[in-house]
Amino acid sequence: MSNSMRHWAWTLALSAIAAAPALAGPVKVGELGIVADGPFYIGIERGYFAKAGLEVTLERFAGGAPMTVPLSTDQLQVAGGALSAALFNAFGRGLPVRVVMARSADQPGFSSDTLLLRDDLQGAVKRLADLKGRTVAINAPASALDYMVGKMVESDGIGFGDIKTTYMPWPDMGAAFANQAIDAGAVAEPFPALYADKKLAVPFRRAADVLRDPPLQVSVMLYSKGWMDRAPGDARAFTTAYLQAARDYYDAMRGGPQRDAVVDILTKHTTLKAKPLYDRIQWSYIDPNGQLIVASLEDQEKWYERRGQIEKPVKVADMIDTRFLDEALAKLGRVEVK
């Protein structure tokens, strides 16, 4: 082979290497198997992560709290985290994790988080203030739904302390409604639909009915800071691919042409397997631009602080790092939110 041909062959080889996605380290994602995790599953099934050169694997957890330690030690690189007093306190203690973009929120028509009223109380309880002295079940103390219920009753002139709260998992609330052990319960979809079918409880208020200024940011996308620092290229690529998947979810959520295909993916990966339910529930709202409702984060921390549940207040701005989101938006452009 002549020198010129060798040079030409090397040039082609180097060009091919440059065009191919750079080999990246594995990205482990913590997930719960819920609809709000949809972009993870869409990104895998539609190859968005693979096209970005990423090897993404999923690890399922029973709840968000057990993800905190592996995320802080870079054993997990990404997770969707629900906002809570515990999360704010972890940041106050210097948790090496950052909020990168939004995950799920409650907006009109897409408000999964719901306060249910026991079916037989529909005549007696007409407004939120009528819950005074009544028992309201919530899934966990100092959680996003604790905050939701608190803001709801406060909007009608009573305090969180004016209701009787009890804590139990959402699946256990069905029996509690049936036994009249609780008068109301804060749940997420599909439980509003399931309990209404059994005539145990009816939707009384959706989060988006009451929490409007600001709307409720329920959960956020959390990245390990160690990963962000050691592999910024991977974090950048993951963010762009995730945003592509979030836009497919957004289209499906709004009844767009991608809905059937996305529902197929969700029924494959989540615990919500019954396809007809997807037409009856209110989907969790996922913003196609990853836009955080910062005012909601700030208000939640202040609410917990007033209740004595914050050890050391943290500036919400110090929790957030949107550089990868900003770069993804510069590359993909913004979607007009209707």
Protein backbone atom coordinates (compact mmCIF):
# COMPACT_ATOMS: atom_id res chain seq x y z
CA MET A 1 0.00 0.00 0.00
CA SER A 2 1.34 3.44 -0.95
CA ASN A 3 1.90 6.16 1.64
CA SER A 4 -0.92 8.21 0.14
CA MET A 5 -3.34 5.29 0.41
CA ARG A 6 -2.26 4.62 3.98
CA HIS A 7 -2.84 8.29 4.81
CA TRP A 8 -6.28 8.13 3.19
CA ALA A 9 -7.20 4.96 5.13
CA TRP A 10 -6.08 6.48 8.44
CA THR A 11 -8.05 9.63 7.67
CA LEU A 12 -11.23 7.60 7.08
CA ALA A 13 -10.68 5.59 10.26
CA LEU A 14 -10.13 8.68 12.38
CA SER A 15 -13.20 10.33 10.87
CA ALA A 16 -15.31 7.30 11.75
CA ILE A 17 -14.02 7.34 15.32
CA ALA A 18 -14.76 11.03 15.64
CA ALA A 19 -18.30 10.56 14.32
CA ALA A 20 -19.14 7.73 16.70
CA PRO A 21 -20.44 8.50 20.20
CA ALA A 22 -17.63 8.48 22.75
CA LEU A 23 -17.56 5.42 24.94
CA ALA A 24 -19.03 6.34 28.29
CA GLY A 25 -19.08 4.75 31.68
CA PRO A 26 -22.25 2.94 32.79
CA VAL A 27 -25.03 5.14 34.15
CA LYS A 28 -27.11 3.54 36.89
CA VAL A 29 -30.54 5.06 37.41
CA GLY A 30 -32.72 4.59 40.47
CA GLU A 31 -36.41 4.16 39.64
CA LEU A 32 -39.69 3.25 41.33
CA GLY A 33 -41.68 1.67 38.52
CA ILE A 34 -44.19 4.53 38.42
CA VAL A 35 -45.55 6.61 35.55
CA ALA A 36 -43.42 9.61 36.58
CA ASP A 37 -40.37 7.48 35.73
CA GLY A 38 -41.67 7.18 32.18
CA PRO A 39 -38.86 9.12 30.46
CA PHE A 40 -36.30 6.62 31.79
CA TYR A 41 -38.16 3.75 30.14
CA ILE A 42 -38.88 5.68 26.94
CA GLY A 43 -35.22 6.67 26.66
CA ILE A 44 -34.16 3.03 26.89
CA GLU A 45 -36.85 1.56 24.65
CA ARG A 46 -36.46 4.19 21.94
CA GLY A 47 -32.68 4.12 22.03
CA TYR A 48 -32.13 7.75 23.01
CA PHE A 49 -29.56 6.83 25.64
CA ALA A 50 -27.84 4.29 23.40
CA LYS A 51 -27.60 6.79 20.55
CA ALA A 52 -25.89 9.15 22.96
CA GLY A 53 -23.29 6.46 23.67
CA LEU A 54 -24.62 5.72 27.15
CA GLU A 55 -25.06 2.36 28.83
CA VAL A 56 -28.02 3.01 31.11
CA THR A 57 -29.15 0.42 33.63
CA LEU A 58 -32.09 0.63 36.01
CA GLU A 59 -32.24 -0.31 39.67
CA ARG A 60 -35.66 -0.46 41.27
CA PHE A 61 -36.22 0.82 44.79
CA ALA A 62 -39.23 0.52 47.08
CA GLY A 63 -39.15 4.27 47.77
CA GLY A 64 -37.15 7.41 47.25
CA ALA A 65 -35.39 7.55 50.63
CA PRO A 66 -33.24 4.41 50.09
CA MET A 67 -31.78 6.03 46.95
CA THR A 68 -30.14 8.87 48.88
CA VAL A 69 -27.04 7.06 50.13
CA PRO A 70 -26.07 5.32 46.86
CA LEU A 71 -26.73 8.56 45.00
CA SER A 72 -24.50 10.52 47.37
CA THR A 73 -21.68 7.98 47.01
CA ASP A 74 -21.92 7.81 43.19
CA GLN A 75 -23.14 4.20 43.24
CA LEU A 76 -26.24 5.63 41.57
CA GLN A 77 -25.73 8.43 39.09
CA VAL A 78 -29.34 9.55 38.57
CA ALA A 79 -32.64 9.28 40.41
CA GLY A 80 -36.02 10.92 40.52
CA GLY A 81 -36.53 12.28 44.01
CA ALA A 82 -39.73 13.44 45.69
CA LEU A 83 -39.42 16.67 47.61
CA SER A 84 -39.64 16.33 51.39
CA ALA A 85 -38.28 17.79 54.60
CA ALA A 86 -35.75 14.94 54.63
CA LEU A 87 -34.39 15.97 51.23
CA PHE A 88 -34.02 19.61 52.26
CA ASN A 89 -32.29 18.48 55.47
CA ALA A 90 -29.91 16.27 53.49
CA PHE A 91 -28.92 19.26 51.36
CA GLY A 92 -28.48 21.27 54.54
CA ARG A 93 -25.97 18.65 55.69
CA GLY A 94 -24.02 18.99 52.44
CA LEU A 95 -25.48 16.12 50.40
CA PRO A 96 -23.22 15.73 47.32
CA VAL A 97 -26.18 15.66 44.93
CA ARG A 98 -27.70 18.32 42.72
CA VAL A 99 -31.18 19.09 41.40
CA VAL A 100 -30.71 19.27 37.63
CA MET A 101 -34.24 19.64 36.27
CA ALA A 102 -37.89 18.96 36.95
CA ARG A 103 -39.40 15.51 37.16
CA SER A 104 -43.11 15.60 38.02
CA ALA A 105 -45.52 18.37 38.94
CA ASP A 106 -49.25 19.06 39.17
CA GLN A 107 -50.85 21.23 36.51
CA PRO A 108 -54.53 21.60 35.54
CA GLY A 109 -55.70 18.44 33.79
CA PHE A 110 -52.49 16.63 34.73
CA SER A 111 -52.73 16.48 38.50
CA SER A 112 -52.04 12.98 39.77
CA ASP A 113 -51.86 14.02 43.43
CA THR A 114 -55.35 14.02 44.88
CA LEU A 115 -57.16 14.44 48.17
CA LEU A 116 -59.90 11.80 48.30
CA LEU A 117 -63.07 12.04 50.38
CA ARG A 118 -64.84 9.00 51.76
CA ASP A 119 -67.80 8.26 49.53
CA ASP A 120 -70.49 8.56 52.22
CA LEU A 121 -69.27 12.02 53.31
CA GLN A 122 -70.04 13.82 50.06
CA GLY A 123 -73.07 15.53 51.59
CA ALA A 124 -71.40 16.48 54.87
CA VAL A 125 -68.04 17.73 53.59
CA LYS A 126 -68.42 20.41 50.96
CA ARG A 127 -65.32 22.55 51.44
CA LEU A 128 -61.82 22.03 52.75
CA ALA A 129 -62.60 23.75 56.05
CA ASP A 130 -65.19 21.03 56.69
CA LEU A 131 -62.28 18.64 57.28
CA LYS A 132 -61.61 20.32 60.63
CA GLY A 133 -61.47 17.62 63.31
CA ARG A 134 -61.63 14.84 60.72
CA THR A 135 -59.02 12.15 60.04
CA VAL A 136 -56.90 12.51 56.90
CA ALA A 137 -54.51 9.76 55.81
CA ILE A 138 -51.20 10.62 54.14
CA ASN A 139 -48.53 8.24 52.90
CA ALA A 140 -45.59 9.72 54.84
CA PRO A 141 -44.92 12.54 57.31
CA ALA A 142 -43.06 15.67 56.16
CA SER A 143 -43.62 14.59 52.56
CA ALA A 144 -44.88 16.31 49.42
CA LEU A 145 -48.44 15.17 50.15
CA ASP A 146 -48.16 16.39 53.76
CA TYR A 147 -47.34 19.78 52.27
CA MET A 148 -50.15 19.47 49.72
CA VAL A 149 -52.78 18.74 52.37
CA GLY A 150 -51.43 21.49 54.61
CA LYS A 151 -51.62 24.09 51.85
CA MET A 152 -55.08 22.91 50.89
CA VAL A 153 -56.63 23.31 54.32
CA GLU A 154 -54.75 26.54 54.96
CA SER A 155 -56.29 27.94 51.77
CA ASP A 156 -59.73 27.63 53.41
CA GLY A 157 -58.84 29.20 56.73
CA ILE A 158 -57.92 26.25 58.95
CA GLY A 159 -54.49 24.96 59.95
CA PHE A 160 -52.78 21.64 59.41
CA GLY A 161 -53.10 21.07 63.14
CA ASP A 162 -56.88 21.39 62.89
CA ILE A 163 -57.14 18.03 61.11
CA LYS A 164 -56.21 14.64 62.51
CA THR A 165 -53.47 13.07 60.42
CA THR A 166 -52.59 9.41 60.22
CA TYR A 167 -49.92 7.84 58.03
CA MET A 168 -50.24 4.71 55.92
CA PRO A 169 -49.32 3.45 52.42
CA TRP A 170 -51.78 4.24 49.64
CA PRO A 171 -52.87 0.61 49.14
CA ASP A 172 -53.88 0.42 52.83
CA MET A 173 -56.22 3.40 52.55
CA GLY A 174 -58.87 1.32 50.76
CA ALA A 175 -59.55 -0.78 53.83
CA ALA A 176 -59.38 2.32 56.03
CA PHE A 177 -62.05 4.02 53.89
CA ALA A 178 -64.19 0.88 53.95
CA ASN A 179 -63.95 0.65 57.75
CA GLN A 180 -64.59 4.40 58.14
CA ALA A 181 -61.28 4.72 59.95
CA ILE A 182 -60.37 7.71 57.79
CA ASP A 183 -62.45 10.51 56.33
CA ALA A 184 -60.05 11.61 53.60
CA GLY A 185 -56.76 10.48 52.09
CA ALA A 186 -54.00 12.02 50.01
CA VAL A 187 -52.97 9.70 47.19
CA ALA A 188 -51.53 9.66 43.68
CA GLU A 189 -52.91 7.98 40.59
CA PRO A 190 -54.15 5.34 39.95
CA PHE A 191 -55.65 5.20 43.45
CA PRO A 192 -58.26 7.93 42.81
CA ALA A 193 -59.62 5.85 39.93
CA LEU A 194 -59.34 2.54 41.77
CA TYR A 195 -61.08 3.71 44.95
CA ALA A 196 -63.79 5.53 43.00
CA ASP A 197 -64.53 2.27 41.11
CA LYS A 198 -65.06 0.52 44.44
CA LYS A 199 -67.23 3.41 45.69
CA LEU A 200 -64.90 3.86 48.66
CA ALA A 201 -63.84 7.44 47.97
CA VAL A 202 -64.15 10.21 45.41
CA PRO A 203 -61.69 12.89 44.30
CA PHE A 204 -62.34 15.92 46.55
CA ARG A 205 -59.55 18.25 45.43
CA ARG A 206 -56.69 17.78 42.98
CA ALA A 207 -53.42 19.48 43.84
CA ALA A 208 -53.78 21.71 40.79
CA ASP A 209 -57.24 22.81 41.96
CA VAL A 210 -55.72 24.59 44.95
CA LEU A 211 -51.95 24.92 44.59
CA ARG A 212 -51.68 27.34 41.70
CA ASP A 213 -49.27 30.07 42.74
CA PRO A 214 -46.94 28.33 42.66
CA PRO A 215 -48.05 24.98 41.21
CA LEU A 216 -46.83 21.93 43.10
CA GLN A 217 -43.44 20.57 42.05
CA VAL A 218 -43.67 17.04 43.43
CA SER A 219 -40.34 15.58 42.41
CA VAL A 220 -37.06 16.54 40.76
CA MET A 221 -34.23 14.92 38.85
CA LEU A 222 -31.23 14.33 41.09
CA TYR A 223 -27.68 13.69 39.86
CA SER A 224 -24.72 12.51 41.88
CA LYS A 225 -22.33 15.44 42.14
CA GLY A 226 -19.40 13.03 42.01
CA TRP A 227 -20.63 11.80 38.62
CA MET A 228 -21.24 15.33 37.36
CA ASP A 229 -17.69 16.28 38.25
CA ARG A 230 -15.91 13.18 36.95
CA ALA A 231 -18.00 12.57 33.81
CA PRO A 232 -19.60 15.86 32.69
CA GLY A 233 -19.82 14.59 29.11
CA ASP A 234 -21.93 11.63 30.23
CA ALA A 235 -24.14 13.86 32.37
CA ARG A 236 -24.60 16.23 29.44
CA ALA A 237 -25.49 13.39 27.07
CA PHE A 238 -27.87 11.82 29.59
CA THR A 239 -29.70 15.11 30.08
CA THR A 240 -30.22 15.61 26.36
CA ALA A 241 -31.45 12.04 25.85
CA TYR A 242 -33.72 12.24 28.89
CA LEU A 243 -35.25 15.46 27.59
CA GLN A 244 -35.99 13.80 24.25
CA ALA A 245 -37.79 11.02 26.10
CA ALA A 246 -39.63 13.53 28.31
CA ARG A 247 -40.97 15.18 25.16
CA ASP A 248 -42.37 11.87 23.94
CA TYR A 249 -44.03 11.48 27.34
CA TYR A 250 -45.41 15.03 27.11
CA ASP A 251 -46.91 14.28 23.70
CA ALA A 252 -48.51 11.09 25.02
CA MET A 253 -49.72 12.82 28.19
CA ARG A 254 -51.58 15.35 26.04
CA GLY A 255 -53.14 12.65 23.85
CA GLY A 256 -50.76 13.15 20.92
CA PRO A 257 -49.77 10.67 18.21
CA GLN A 258 -47.17 8.99 20.44
CA ARG A 259 -49.69 8.04 23.12
CA ASP A 260 -50.30 4.39 22.20
CA ALA A 261 -46.60 3.60 21.82
CA VAL A 262 -45.73 5.34 25.08
CA VAL A 263 -48.53 3.53 26.94
CA ASP A 264 -47.08 0.25 25.66
CA ILE A 265 -43.71 1.21 27.15
CA LEU A 266 -45.27 2.30 30.45
CA THR A 267 -47.29 -0.89 30.85
CA LYS A 268 -44.12 -2.89 30.20
CA HIS A 269 -42.00 -1.12 32.81
CA THR A 270 -44.32 0.32 35.47
CA THR A 271 -46.60 -1.29 38.00
CA LEU A 272 -49.63 0.19 36.18
CA LYS A 273 -50.34 -2.64 33.75
CA ALA A 274 -54.00 -2.04 32.81
CA LYS A 275 -54.01 -0.02 29.58
CA PRO A 276 -57.60 1.26 29.96
CA LEU A 277 -56.60 3.05 33.18
CA TYR A 278 -54.27 5.36 31.25
CA ASP A 279 -57.35 6.95 29.68
CA ARG A 280 -59.00 7.45 33.07
CA ILE A 281 -56.23 8.74 35.29
CA GLN A 282 -54.67 12.16 35.33
CA TRP A 283 -51.06 11.65 34.30
CA SER A 284 -48.22 13.20 36.26
CA TYR A 285 -47.19 16.41 34.51
CA ILE A 286 -43.67 16.29 33.09
CA ASP A 287 -42.41 19.52 31.58
CA PRO A 288 -40.93 19.06 28.07
CA ASN A 289 -38.24 21.64 28.84
CA GLY A 290 -37.33 20.27 32.27
CA GLN A 291 -38.40 23.58 33.80
CA LEU A 292 -38.24 23.63 37.59
CA ILE A 293 -40.89 25.46 39.58
CA VAL A 294 -38.31 27.02 41.88
CA ALA A 295 -40.94 28.98 43.81
CA SER A 296 -42.57 25.67 44.78
CA LEU A 297 -39.30 24.32 46.19
CA GLU A 298 -38.82 27.52 48.17
CA ASP A 299 -42.37 27.47 49.53
CA GLN A 300 -42.13 23.82 50.54
CA GLU A 301 -38.95 24.40 52.51
CA LYS A 302 -40.52 27.40 54.28
CA TRP A 303 -43.63 25.36 55.14
CA TYR A 304 -41.53 22.59 56.69
CA GLU A 305 -39.43 25.17 58.50
CA ARG A 306 -42.54 26.74 60.07
CA ARG A 307 -43.46 23.27 61.32
CA GLY A 308 -40.02 22.78 62.90
CA GLN A 309 -39.03 20.04 60.44
CA ILE A 310 -36.00 21.76 58.91
CA GLU A 311 -32.72 21.35 60.78
CA LYS A 312 -30.78 23.99 58.90
CA PRO A 313 -32.37 26.06 56.13
CA VAL A 314 -30.61 25.81 52.79
CA LYS A 315 -30.76 28.20 49.87
CA VAL A 316 -32.73 26.44 47.15
CA ALA A 317 -30.48 28.04 44.54
CA ASP A 318 -27.54 26.16 46.09
CA MET A 319 -29.34 22.84 45.53
CA ILE A 320 -29.75 23.44 41.81
CA ASP A 321 -27.32 23.08 38.90
CA THR A 322 -28.99 23.48 35.50
CA ARG A 323 -25.88 23.73 33.31
CA PHE A 324 -26.55 20.40 31.56
CA LEU A 325 -30.21 21.26 31.07
CA ASP A 326 -29.26 24.64 29.63
CA GLU A 327 -26.92 22.92 27.15
CA ALA A 328 -29.59 20.36 26.21
CA LEU A 329 -32.11 23.13 25.56
CA ALA A 330 -29.57 25.02 23.46
CA LYS A 331 -29.11 21.86 21.38
CA LEU A 332 -32.74 20.70 21.13
CA GLY A 333 -34.54 24.02 21.35
CA ARG A 334 -37.53 24.70 23.61
CA VAL A 335 -40.99 23.20 23.23
CA GLU A 336 -43.91 25.60 23.44
CA VAL A 337 -45.93 24.61 26.49
CA LYS A 338 -49.65 24.92 25.88
